């Protein structure tokens, strides 16, 4: 298995190149402040579990709680993609 790792400055350069080639926008390095690092927004589930009428959680045959997908919500979270960040893609065979 191979992996590709990109550091934040490489991702910012790729975004500048994409913006120029595909969108016709020329984003210079000076227009991106070192204090304004890209932010990654992602969603995480906040699971709700099925319950009996008496309030006790419903469990499957293995004893695990049963997720109630209709009542499960998603929470939006953010991380700053700063100088210490990197993104890795694992490439399978």
Protein backbone atom coordinates (compact mmCIF):
# COMPACT_ATOMS: atom_id res chain seq x y z
CA UNK A 1 0.00 0.00 0.00
CA UNK A 2 1.32 3.43 -0.92
CA UNK A 3 0.52 6.74 0.67
CA UNK A 4 0.58 10.36 -0.44
CA UNK A 5 1.07 13.03 2.21
CA UNK A 6 0.54 16.73 1.57
CA UNK A 7 1.46 19.46 4.02
CA UNK A 8 -0.63 22.59 4.47
CA UNK A 9 1.57 24.79 2.28
CA UNK A 10 1.31 22.22 -0.55
CA UNK A 11 -2.47 22.13 -0.23
CA UNK A 12 -2.63 25.94 -0.32
CA UNK A 13 -0.45 25.97 -3.46
CA UNK A 14 -2.71 23.36 -5.07
CA UNK A 15 -5.76 25.50 -4.26
CA UNK A 16 -4.10 28.55 -5.82
CA UNK A 17 -3.26 26.54 -8.97
CA UNK A 18 -6.81 25.14 -9.18
CA UNK A 19 -8.35 28.58 -8.71
CA UNK A 20 -6.17 30.00 -11.49
CA UNK A 21 -6.65 27.16 -13.99
CA UNK A 22 -10.30 26.27 -13.42
CA UNK A 23 -11.84 29.47 -12.06
CA UNK A 24 -9.64 32.14 -13.61
CA UNK A 25 -8.81 33.59 -10.18
CA UNK A 26 -5.27 34.70 -9.46
CA UNK A 27 -4.74 34.26 -5.72
CA UNK A 28 -1.28 35.48 -4.75
CA UNK A 29 0.53 34.26 -1.65
CA UNK A 30 0.30 37.79 -0.23
CA UNK A 31 -3.50 37.66 -0.28
CA UNK A 32 -3.54 34.71 2.12
CA UNK A 33 -2.63 35.81 5.62
CA UNK A 34 -0.54 33.47 7.75
CA UNK A 35 -3.19 33.97 10.43
CA UNK A 36 -6.00 32.85 8.11
CA UNK A 37 -5.30 29.17 7.69
CA UNK A 38 -7.86 27.11 5.80
CA UNK A 39 -10.55 25.54 7.95
CA UNK A 40 -11.81 22.01 7.38
CA UNK A 41 -15.50 21.56 8.11
CA UNK A 42 -16.82 18.08 8.75
CA UNK A 43 -19.88 16.42 10.22
CA UNK A 44 -19.93 13.85 12.99
CA UNK A 45 -22.97 11.84 14.03
CA UNK A 46 -24.55 12.28 17.45
CA UNK A 47 -26.15 8.88 17.76
CA UNK A 48 -29.59 8.32 19.22
CA UNK A 49 -30.41 4.82 20.38
CA UNK A 50 -33.68 2.91 20.19
CA UNK A 51 -35.48 2.45 23.48
CA UNK A 52 -38.31 0.33 24.81
CA UNK A 53 -41.42 2.08 26.13
CA UNK A 54 -40.02 1.76 29.65
CA UNK A 55 -36.91 3.78 28.61
CA UNK A 56 -34.47 0.88 28.61
CA UNK A 57 -32.21 0.74 25.55
CA UNK A 58 -32.88 -1.92 22.92
CA UNK A 59 -29.91 -4.22 22.38
CA UNK A 60 -29.17 -6.61 19.52
CA UNK A 61 -28.33 -10.30 19.89
CA UNK A 62 -24.69 -9.39 20.64
CA UNK A 63 -25.61 -6.95 23.42
CA UNK A 64 -24.84 -3.80 21.42
CA UNK A 65 -27.14 -0.80 21.51
CA UNK A 66 -29.33 -0.34 18.44
CA UNK A 67 -28.91 2.99 16.65
CA UNK A 68 -32.09 4.90 15.84
CA UNK A 69 -31.09 6.36 12.47
CA UNK A 70 -34.26 8.47 12.22
CA UNK A 71 -33.37 10.35 15.41
CA UNK A 72 -29.59 10.52 14.90
CA UNK A 73 -28.41 14.09 14.27
CA UNK A 74 -25.19 15.41 12.78
CA UNK A 75 -22.97 18.03 14.41
CA UNK A 76 -20.77 20.30 12.27
CA UNK A 77 -17.24 20.64 13.58
CA UNK A 78 -14.15 22.51 12.37
CA UNK A 79 -10.41 22.05 12.48
CA UNK A 80 -7.77 24.54 11.38
CA UNK A 81 -5.50 23.26 8.63
CA UNK A 82 -2.44 25.15 9.87
CA UNK A 83 1.31 24.71 9.34
CA UNK A 84 1.39 21.58 11.50
CA UNK A 85 -1.39 19.86 9.56
CA UNK A 86 -1.10 17.35 6.78
CA UNK A 87 -3.47 15.22 4.76
CA UNK A 88 -2.67 11.64 3.76
CA UNK A 89 -4.24 9.48 1.09
CA UNK A 90 -3.63 5.75 1.20
CA UNK A 91 -3.51 4.10 -2.22
CA UNK A 92 -4.43 0.44 -2.40
CA UNK A 93 -3.02 -2.16 -4.75
